C-alpha cells in the first residue's frame, strides 16, 4: 500500500483476487501491472487492510480503478457490486461496467464507504471487494488496476 497523506493506494496485486468458476481465465503479470480477467463467469475480487494502518474514526471511500478492453464482453446486464465494511457493517454500491468508456482507466463511479472504528481490537481489518456472481454469464476483457482509499 502506498500513501500520500490524504489517500492510500492498494495495487491490484496487493489484495486477493479469487476466481471460482470452471474454465475461468485470469492473467497476472508483474506486481505493478493490473490483473486481467480474460474470461470469467464468477467475479469475486476481495481485499482487506489492517485497521492499524488507517486513521481512527475517519470515514473512508473505496475507489476501484478499472479498464475495459475494446473487445470486452458479457458486462451488459451484469452489474458489479462494490463493497467495503468492518465487522457486520458493510456499504454496498452497484454499477454497470458496460457504461464505462473502453480502453481508458477510470474509477468506477460508485464508492462504498466505511468508518474506521475509534477503538479497534488488535488485528481488526476493513474488507473491500468487487463482485459479479449472480448472472452466471461469461464476461471478459476487464483490467483491475488498483483501489484508492480516500478520507471523506
N, C-alpha and C. Protein backbone atom coordinates (compact mmCIF):
# COMPACT_ATOMS: atom_id res chain seq x y z
N UNK A 1 0.85 -1.17 0.00
CA UNK A 1 0.00 0.00 0.00
C UNK A 1 0.90 1.23 0.00
N UNK A 2 0.55 2.21 -0.86
CA UNK A 2 1.25 3.49 -0.89
C UNK A 2 0.34 4.53 -0.27
N UNK A 3 0.93 5.57 0.31
CA UNK A 3 0.13 6.64 0.89
C UNK A 3 0.75 7.99 0.57
N UNK A 4 -0.12 9.01 0.41
CA UNK A 4 0.38 10.37 0.20
C UNK A 4 -0.16 11.32 1.26
N UNK A 5 -0.67 10.79 2.36
CA UNK A 5 -1.20 11.60 3.44
C UNK A 5 -2.70 11.76 3.40
N UNK A 6 -3.27 11.95 2.19
CA UNK A 6 -4.72 12.11 2.10
C UNK A 6 -5.41 10.89 1.52
N UNK A 7 -4.65 10.01 0.88
CA UNK A 7 -5.25 8.79 0.33
C UNK A 7 -4.24 7.66 0.37
N UNK A 8 -4.75 6.45 0.22
CA UNK A 8 -3.93 5.25 0.16
C UNK A 8 -4.21 4.55 -1.15
N UNK A 9 -3.22 3.94 -1.75
CA UNK A 9 -3.37 3.22 -2.99
C UNK A 9 -3.02 1.76 -2.75
N UNK A 10 -3.93 0.87 -3.11
CA UNK A 10 -3.70 -0.56 -3.00
C UNK A 10 -3.59 -1.11 -4.41
N UNK A 11 -2.40 -1.57 -4.80
CA UNK A 11 -2.21 -2.14 -6.13
C UNK A 11 -2.99 -3.44 -6.27
N UNK A 12 -3.35 -3.76 -7.51
CA UNK A 12 -4.17 -4.95 -7.75
C UNK A 12 -3.51 -6.23 -7.28
N UNK A 13 -2.20 -6.27 -7.22
CA UNK A 13 -1.51 -7.48 -6.78
C UNK A 13 -1.39 -7.53 -5.26
N UNK A 14 -1.84 -6.47 -4.56
CA UNK A 14 -1.72 -6.42 -3.11
C UNK A 14 -2.90 -7.04 -2.40
N UNK A 15 -4.00 -7.24 -3.11
CA UNK A 15 -5.16 -7.83 -2.47
C UNK A 15 -5.50 -9.13 -3.17
N UNK A 16 -6.30 -9.95 -2.53
CA UNK A 16 -6.59 -11.27 -3.06
C UNK A 16 -7.57 -11.20 -4.22
N UNK A 17 -7.25 -11.86 -5.31
CA UNK A 17 -8.18 -11.98 -6.44
C UNK A 17 -8.60 -13.43 -6.48
N UNK A 18 -9.86 -13.67 -6.25
CA UNK A 18 -10.37 -15.03 -6.21
C UNK A 18 -11.27 -15.29 -7.41
N UNK A 19 -10.96 -16.32 -8.15
CA UNK A 19 -11.80 -16.70 -9.28
C UNK A 19 -12.33 -18.09 -8.98
N UNK A 20 -13.63 -18.22 -8.99
CA UNK A 20 -14.20 -19.53 -8.66
C UNK A 20 -15.22 -19.91 -9.72
N UNK A 21 -14.73 -20.22 -10.91
CA UNK A 21 -15.61 -20.67 -12.00
C UNK A 21 -14.86 -21.68 -12.84
N UNK A 22 -15.56 -22.70 -13.28
CA UNK A 22 -14.95 -23.68 -14.16
C UNK A 22 -14.59 -23.00 -15.47
N UNK A 23 -13.39 -23.16 -15.91
CA UNK A 23 -12.95 -22.57 -17.17
C UNK A 23 -12.61 -21.10 -17.08
N UNK A 24 -12.49 -20.55 -15.90
CA UNK A 24 -12.15 -19.13 -15.75
C UNK A 24 -10.70 -18.91 -16.11
N UNK A 25 -10.44 -17.80 -16.74
CA UNK A 25 -9.07 -17.47 -17.11
C UNK A 25 -8.72 -16.11 -16.55
N UNK A 26 -7.56 -16.07 -15.90
CA UNK A 26 -7.08 -14.86 -15.24
C UNK A 26 -5.60 -14.73 -15.56
N UNK A 27 -5.17 -13.54 -15.97
CA UNK A 27 -3.76 -13.31 -16.28
C UNK A 27 -3.18 -12.36 -15.25
N UNK A 28 -2.18 -12.83 -14.52
CA UNK A 28 -1.46 -11.99 -13.57
C UNK A 28 -0.09 -11.71 -14.14
N UNK A 29 0.28 -10.44 -14.12
CA UNK A 29 1.60 -10.06 -14.62
C UNK A 29 2.46 -9.66 -13.43
N UNK A 30 3.32 -8.70 -13.64
CA UNK A 30 4.17 -8.21 -12.55
C UNK A 30 3.34 -7.49 -11.51
N UNK A 31 3.93 -7.27 -10.35
CA UNK A 31 3.24 -6.65 -9.23
C UNK A 31 2.70 -5.26 -9.55
N UNK A 32 3.40 -4.49 -10.38
CA UNK A 32 2.99 -3.12 -10.69
C UNK A 32 2.03 -3.05 -11.87
N UNK A 33 1.59 -4.17 -12.40
CA UNK A 33 0.67 -4.19 -13.53
C UNK A 33 -0.71 -4.67 -13.08
N UNK A 34 -1.74 -4.32 -13.85
CA UNK A 34 -3.09 -4.74 -13.47
C UNK A 34 -3.31 -6.23 -13.64
N UNK A 35 -4.35 -6.71 -12.99
CA UNK A 35 -4.80 -8.08 -13.18
C UNK A 35 -5.79 -8.05 -14.34
N UNK A 36 -5.66 -8.97 -15.29
CA UNK A 36 -6.57 -9.03 -16.43
C UNK A 36 -7.50 -10.23 -16.29
N UNK A 37 -8.80 -9.98 -16.38
CA UNK A 37 -9.78 -11.05 -16.39
C UNK A 37 -10.07 -11.38 -17.85
N UNK A 38 -9.61 -12.53 -18.31
CA UNK A 38 -9.78 -12.92 -19.70
C UNK A 38 -11.19 -13.44 -19.96
N UNK A 39 -11.64 -14.35 -19.09
CA UNK A 39 -12.97 -14.94 -19.24
C UNK A 39 -13.39 -15.53 -17.91
N UNK A 40 -14.46 -15.01 -17.34
CA UNK A 40 -14.96 -15.49 -16.06
C UNK A 40 -16.48 -15.54 -16.08
N UNK A 41 -17.04 -16.40 -15.28
CA UNK A 41 -18.49 -16.37 -15.08
C UNK A 41 -18.81 -15.95 -13.65
N UNK A 42 -17.81 -15.93 -12.79
CA UNK A 42 -17.98 -15.61 -11.38
C UNK A 42 -16.83 -14.70 -10.99
N UNK A 43 -17.12 -13.45 -10.67
CA UNK A 43 -16.09 -12.48 -10.32
C UNK A 43 -16.17 -12.17 -8.84
N UNK A 44 -15.09 -12.39 -8.14
CA UNK A 44 -15.01 -12.07 -6.72
C UNK A 44 -13.60 -11.55 -6.45
N UNK A 45 -13.48 -10.22 -6.36
CA UNK A 45 -12.21 -9.56 -6.08
C UNK A 45 -12.30 -9.07 -4.66
N UNK A 46 -11.42 -9.51 -3.79
CA UNK A 46 -11.51 -9.15 -2.38
C UNK A 46 -10.17 -8.67 -1.86
N UNK A 47 -10.23 -7.85 -0.84
CA UNK A 47 -9.02 -7.38 -0.19
C UNK A 47 -9.33 -6.93 1.22
N UNK A 48 -8.31 -6.73 2.01
CA UNK A 48 -8.51 -6.24 3.37
C UNK A 48 -7.28 -5.47 3.81
N UNK A 49 -7.50 -4.56 4.75
CA UNK A 49 -6.42 -3.77 5.33
C UNK A 49 -6.55 -3.78 6.83
N UNK A 50 -5.44 -3.89 7.52
CA UNK A 50 -5.45 -3.80 8.96
C UNK A 50 -5.88 -2.41 9.39
N UNK A 51 -6.78 -2.32 10.38
CA UNK A 51 -7.28 -1.04 10.85
C UNK A 51 -6.14 -0.18 11.41
N UNK A 52 -5.09 -0.83 11.91
CA UNK A 52 -3.96 -0.08 12.46
C UNK A 52 -3.25 0.76 11.41
N UNK A 53 -3.48 0.47 10.11
CA UNK A 53 -2.88 1.23 9.02
C UNK A 53 -3.71 2.45 8.62
N UNK A 54 -4.88 2.63 9.23
CA UNK A 54 -5.84 3.65 8.80
C UNK A 54 -6.14 4.64 9.92
N UNK A 55 -6.57 5.86 9.57
CA UNK A 55 -6.87 6.87 10.60
C UNK A 55 -8.13 6.52 11.39
N UNK A 56 -8.01 6.45 12.71
CA UNK A 56 -9.13 6.05 13.59
C UNK A 56 -10.27 7.07 13.53
N UNK A 57 -11.50 6.56 13.44
CA UNK A 57 -12.69 7.39 13.43
C UNK A 57 -12.97 8.07 12.11
N UNK A 58 -12.15 7.88 11.12
CA UNK A 58 -12.29 8.55 9.82
C UNK A 58 -13.20 7.73 8.90
N UNK A 59 -14.06 8.40 8.13
CA UNK A 59 -14.84 7.72 7.11
C UNK A 59 -14.01 7.66 5.84
N UNK A 60 -13.97 6.50 5.23
CA UNK A 60 -13.17 6.27 4.03
C UNK A 60 -14.07 5.83 2.88
N UNK A 61 -13.67 6.20 1.65
CA UNK A 61 -14.35 5.67 0.47
C UNK A 61 -13.34 4.90 -0.37
N UNK A 62 -13.84 3.87 -1.03
CA UNK A 62 -13.02 2.94 -1.79
C UNK A 62 -13.33 3.12 -3.27
N UNK A 63 -12.31 3.55 -4.04
CA UNK A 63 -12.47 3.83 -5.47
C UNK A 63 -11.72 2.77 -6.27
N UNK A 64 -12.46 1.99 -7.05
CA UNK A 64 -11.88 0.93 -7.86
C UNK A 64 -11.53 1.49 -9.23
N UNK A 65 -10.27 1.36 -9.65
CA UNK A 65 -9.82 1.80 -10.97
C UNK A 65 -9.71 0.60 -11.90
N UNK A 66 -10.47 0.66 -12.99
CA UNK A 66 -10.57 -0.47 -13.92
C UNK A 66 -10.44 0.05 -15.36
N UNK A 67 -10.28 -0.90 -16.27
CA UNK A 67 -10.27 -0.58 -17.71
C UNK A 67 -10.91 -1.74 -18.45
N UNK A 68 -11.80 -1.41 -19.36
CA UNK A 68 -12.40 -2.42 -20.24
C UNK A 68 -11.67 -2.38 -21.58
N UNK A 69 -11.30 -3.54 -22.10
CA UNK A 69 -10.69 -3.62 -23.42
C UNK A 69 -11.76 -3.30 -24.48
N UNK A 70 -11.32 -2.98 -25.68
CA UNK A 70 -12.27 -2.66 -26.75
C UNK A 70 -13.15 -3.86 -27.08
N UNK A 71 -12.64 -5.07 -26.88
CA UNK A 71 -13.43 -6.27 -27.17
C UNK A 71 -14.00 -6.93 -25.91
N UNK A 72 -14.14 -6.13 -24.84
CA UNK A 72 -14.74 -6.66 -23.60
C UNK A 72 -16.15 -7.18 -23.90
N UNK A 73 -16.54 -8.23 -23.18
CA UNK A 73 -17.84 -8.84 -23.45
C UNK A 73 -18.50 -9.30 -22.16
N UNK A 74 -19.83 -9.41 -22.21
CA UNK A 74 -20.60 -10.00 -21.12
C UNK A 74 -20.95 -9.07 -19.98
N UNK A 75 -20.57 -7.80 -20.03
CA UNK A 75 -20.80 -6.90 -18.90
C UNK A 75 -22.16 -6.23 -18.95
N UNK A 76 -22.80 -6.18 -20.11
CA UNK A 76 -24.13 -5.57 -20.19
C UNK A 76 -25.12 -6.45 -19.43
N UNK A 77 -25.93 -5.83 -18.61
CA UNK A 77 -26.91 -6.53 -17.76
C UNK A 77 -26.25 -7.45 -16.74
N UNK A 78 -25.00 -7.18 -16.42
CA UNK A 78 -24.28 -7.93 -15.39
C UNK A 78 -23.56 -6.94 -14.49
N UNK A 79 -24.31 -6.14 -13.71
CA UNK A 79 -23.66 -5.12 -12.88
C UNK A 79 -22.76 -5.73 -11.82
N UNK A 80 -21.72 -4.99 -11.47
CA UNK A 80 -20.86 -5.40 -10.37
C UNK A 80 -21.37 -4.74 -9.09
N UNK A 81 -21.09 -5.38 -7.98
CA UNK A 81 -21.41 -4.85 -6.66
C UNK A 81 -20.09 -4.59 -5.96
N UNK A 82 -19.95 -3.36 -5.45
CA UNK A 82 -18.74 -2.93 -4.76
C UNK A 82 -19.05 -2.85 -3.28
N UNK A 83 -18.14 -3.28 -2.45
CA UNK A 83 -18.41 -3.27 -1.01
C UNK A 83 -17.19 -2.82 -0.22
N UNK A 84 -17.47 -2.30 0.97
CA UNK A 84 -16.44 -2.00 1.96
C UNK A 84 -17.10 -2.15 3.31
N UNK A 85 -16.42 -2.76 4.26
CA UNK A 85 -17.04 -2.96 5.56
C UNK A 85 -16.07 -3.34 6.65
N UNK A 86 -16.60 -3.21 7.85
CA UNK A 86 -15.88 -3.58 9.06
C UNK A 86 -16.85 -4.39 9.89
N UNK A 87 -16.48 -5.61 10.24
CA UNK A 87 -17.39 -6.46 11.01
C UNK A 87 -18.68 -6.69 10.23
N UNK A 88 -19.82 -6.50 10.88
CA UNK A 88 -21.11 -6.71 10.21
C UNK A 88 -21.59 -5.48 9.44
N UNK A 89 -20.97 -4.32 9.68
CA UNK A 89 -21.36 -3.09 8.98
C UNK A 89 -20.70 -3.08 7.60
N UNK A 90 -21.51 -3.01 6.55
CA UNK A 90 -20.97 -3.07 5.20
C UNK A 90 -21.75 -2.11 4.30
N UNK A 91 -21.03 -1.40 3.45
CA UNK A 91 -21.61 -0.50 2.47
C UNK A 91 -21.55 -1.18 1.10
N UNK A 92 -22.66 -1.18 0.36
CA UNK A 92 -22.72 -1.80 -0.96
C UNK A 92 -23.12 -0.76 -1.99
N UNK A 93 -22.50 -0.80 -3.16
CA UNK A 93 -22.85 0.04 -4.31
C UNK A 93 -22.91 -0.86 -5.53
N UNK A 94 -23.77 -0.48 -6.48
CA UNK A 94 -23.97 -1.28 -7.69
C UNK A 94 -23.64 -0.41 -8.90
N UNK A 95 -22.97 -1.03 -9.91
CA UNK A 95 -22.66 -0.27 -11.12
C UNK A 95 -22.56 -1.20 -12.33
N UNK A 96 -23.02 -0.69 -13.48
CA UNK A 96 -22.98 -1.41 -14.75
C UNK A 96 -21.69 -1.02 -15.47
N UNK A 97 -20.70 -1.90 -15.48
CA UNK A 97 -19.42 -1.59 -16.11
C UNK A 97 -19.53 -1.34 -17.61
N UNK A 98 -20.58 -1.85 -18.25
CA UNK A 98 -20.72 -1.65 -19.70
C UNK A 98 -20.93 -0.17 -20.05
N UNK A 99 -21.21 0.67 -19.06
CA UNK A 99 -21.38 2.11 -19.29
C UNK A 99 -20.05 2.86 -19.35
N UNK A 100 -18.96 2.21 -18.95
CA UNK A 100 -17.65 2.86 -18.92
C UNK A 100 -17.07 2.99 -20.32
N UNK A 101 -16.28 4.05 -20.52
CA UNK A 101 -15.55 4.23 -21.77
C UNK A 101 -14.48 3.15 -21.86
N UNK A 102 -14.38 2.50 -23.01
CA UNK A 102 -13.42 1.42 -23.18
C UNK A 102 -12.02 1.95 -23.45
N UNK A 103 -11.03 1.14 -23.12
CA UNK A 103 -9.60 1.42 -23.32
C UNK A 103 -9.12 2.65 -22.55
N UNK A 104 -9.81 2.97 -21.46
CA UNK A 104 -9.43 4.09 -20.61
C UNK A 104 -9.50 3.64 -19.15
N UNK A 105 -8.47 3.94 -18.36
CA UNK A 105 -8.52 3.64 -16.93
C UNK A 105 -9.45 4.64 -16.28
N UNK A 106 -10.47 4.14 -15.62
CA UNK A 106 -11.47 5.00 -14.97
C UNK A 106 -11.79 4.48 -13.58
N UNK A 107 -12.24 5.40 -12.72
CA UNK A 107 -12.78 4.99 -11.43
C UNK A 107 -14.21 4.53 -11.65
N UNK A 108 -14.58 3.40 -11.09
CA UNK A 108 -15.99 3.01 -11.11
C UNK A 108 -16.71 4.07 -10.30
N UNK A 109 -17.70 4.79 -10.88
CA UNK A 109 -18.27 5.97 -10.22
C UNK A 109 -19.26 5.69 -9.09
N UNK A 110 -19.05 4.66 -8.35
CA UNK A 110 -19.81 4.37 -7.14
C UNK A 110 -18.78 4.00 -6.07
N UNK A 111 -18.88 4.64 -4.91
CA UNK A 111 -17.85 4.47 -3.89
C UNK A 111 -18.44 3.93 -2.59
N UNK A 112 -18.20 2.66 -2.28
CA UNK A 112 -18.62 2.19 -0.96
C UNK A 112 -17.81 2.92 0.12
N UNK A 113 -18.45 3.16 1.26
CA UNK A 113 -17.80 3.89 2.36
C UNK A 113 -17.87 3.07 3.64
N UNK A 114 -16.89 3.31 4.50
CA UNK A 114 -16.88 2.66 5.80
C UNK A 114 -16.16 3.58 6.78
N UNK A 115 -16.60 3.56 8.03
CA UNK A 115 -15.95 4.36 9.07
C UNK A 115 -15.00 3.46 9.85
N UNK A 116 -13.77 3.94 10.01
CA UNK A 116 -12.77 3.21 10.77
C UNK A 116 -13.12 3.33 12.25
N UNK A 117 -13.17 2.21 12.98
CA UNK A 117 -13.50 2.29 14.40
C UNK A 117 -12.48 3.10 15.19
N UNK A 118 -12.94 3.76 16.24
CA UNK A 118 -12.04 4.56 17.07
C UNK A 118 -11.23 3.70 18.04
N UNK A 119 -11.79 2.56 18.45
CA UNK A 119 -11.09 1.67 19.38
C UNK A 119 -11.10 0.23 18.85
N UNK A 120 -10.40 -0.03 17.74
CA UNK A 120 -10.43 -1.38 17.19
C UNK A 120 -9.63 -2.35 18.05
N UNK A 121 -9.99 -3.60 17.94
CA UNK A 121 -9.22 -4.66 18.59
C UNK A 121 -7.98 -4.96 17.75
N UNK A 122 -6.92 -5.43 18.36
CA UNK A 122 -5.72 -5.79 17.60
C UNK A 122 -6.08 -6.81 16.50
N UNK A 123 -5.58 -6.56 15.32
CA UNK A 123 -5.82 -7.47 14.21
C UNK A 123 -7.11 -7.23 13.44
N UNK A 124 -7.95 -6.27 13.86
CA UNK A 124 -9.18 -5.97 13.12
C UNK A 124 -8.85 -5.49 11.71
N UNK A 125 -9.72 -5.83 10.76
CA UNK A 125 -9.49 -5.47 9.36
C UNK A 125 -10.74 -4.86 8.75
N UNK A 126 -10.52 -3.99 7.78
CA UNK A 126 -11.59 -3.49 6.92
C UNK A 126 -11.49 -4.28 5.62
N UNK A 127 -12.62 -4.79 5.16
CA UNK A 127 -12.68 -5.61 3.95
C UNK A 127 -13.32 -4.82 2.83
N UNK A 128 -12.87 -5.07 1.59
CA UNK A 128 -13.47 -4.43 0.43
C UNK A 128 -13.49 -5.42 -0.71
N UNK A 129 -14.37 -5.18 -1.69
CA UNK A 129 -14.46 -6.12 -2.80
C UNK A 129 -15.30 -5.63 -3.95
N UNK A 130 -15.17 -6.36 -5.07
CA UNK A 130 -15.99 -6.16 -6.26
C UNK A 130 -16.49 -7.54 -6.69
N UNK A 131 -17.80 -7.66 -6.93
CA UNK A 131 -18.41 -8.96 -7.18
C UNK A 131 -19.38 -8.92 -8.37
N UNK A 132 -19.42 -9.98 -9.13
CA UNK A 132 -20.50 -10.27 -10.08
C UNK A 132 -20.60 -11.79 -10.09
N UNK A 133 -21.48 -12.29 -9.25
CA UNK A 133 -21.60 -13.74 -9.08
C UNK A 133 -23.02 -14.24 -9.33
N UNK A 134 -23.89 -13.35 -9.79
CA UNK A 134 -25.31 -13.71 -9.84
C UNK A 134 -25.82 -14.06 -11.23
N UNK A 135 -25.23 -13.51 -12.31
CA UNK A 135 -25.81 -13.75 -13.64
C UNK A 135 -25.40 -15.09 -14.24
N UNK A 136 -24.20 -15.56 -13.91
CA UNK A 136 -23.72 -16.82 -14.48
C UNK A 136 -23.31 -16.70 -15.93
N UNK A 137 -23.23 -15.48 -16.47
CA UNK A 137 -22.82 -15.29 -17.86
C UNK A 137 -21.32 -15.11 -17.95
N UNK A 138 -20.76 -15.46 -19.11
CA UNK A 138 -19.32 -15.28 -19.31
C UNK A 138 -19.02 -13.83 -19.59
N UNK A 139 -17.94 -13.34 -18.96
CA UNK A 139 -17.51 -11.96 -19.09
C UNK A 139 -16.00 -11.96 -19.28
N UNK A 140 -15.51 -10.94 -19.97
CA UNK A 140 -14.06 -10.85 -20.14
C UNK A 140 -13.64 -9.46 -20.57
N UNK A 141 -12.33 -9.29 -20.65
CA UNK A 141 -11.76 -8.03 -21.11
C UNK A 141 -11.72 -6.94 -20.07
N UNK A 142 -11.62 -7.30 -18.80
CA UNK A 142 -11.57 -6.31 -17.72
C UNK A 142 -10.19 -6.33 -17.08
N UNK A 143 -9.60 -5.14 -16.91
CA UNK A 143 -8.36 -4.98 -16.15
C UNK A 143 -8.71 -4.32 -14.82
N UNK A 144 -8.20 -4.85 -13.74
CA UNK A 144 -8.36 -4.24 -12.42
C UNK A 144 -7.00 -3.64 -12.07
N UNK A 145 -6.95 -2.32 -12.03
CA UNK A 145 -5.67 -1.62 -11.82
C UNK A 145 -5.33 -1.47 -10.36
N UNK A 146 -6.23 -0.85 -9.57
CA UNK A 146 -5.94 -0.62 -8.17
C UNK A 146 -7.20 -0.12 -7.47
N UNK A 147 -7.07 0.07 -6.17
CA UNK A 147 -8.13 0.63 -5.35
C UNK A 147 -7.53 1.81 -4.61
N UNK A 148 -8.17 2.97 -4.72
CA UNK A 148 -7.73 4.16 -3.99
C UNK A 148 -8.65 4.31 -2.79
N UNK A 149 -8.06 4.46 -1.62
CA UNK A 149 -8.82 4.63 -0.38
C UNK A 149 -8.62 6.06 0.08
N UNK A 150 -9.71 6.83 0.10
CA UNK A 150 -9.61 8.24 0.45
C UNK A 150 -10.49 8.59 1.64
N UNK A 151 -10.04 9.55 2.42
CA UNK A 151 -10.85 10.09 3.52
C UNK A 151 -11.96 10.92 2.92
N UNK A 152 -13.14 10.83 3.53
CA UNK A 152 -14.29 11.60 3.06
C UNK A 152 -14.24 12.97 3.67
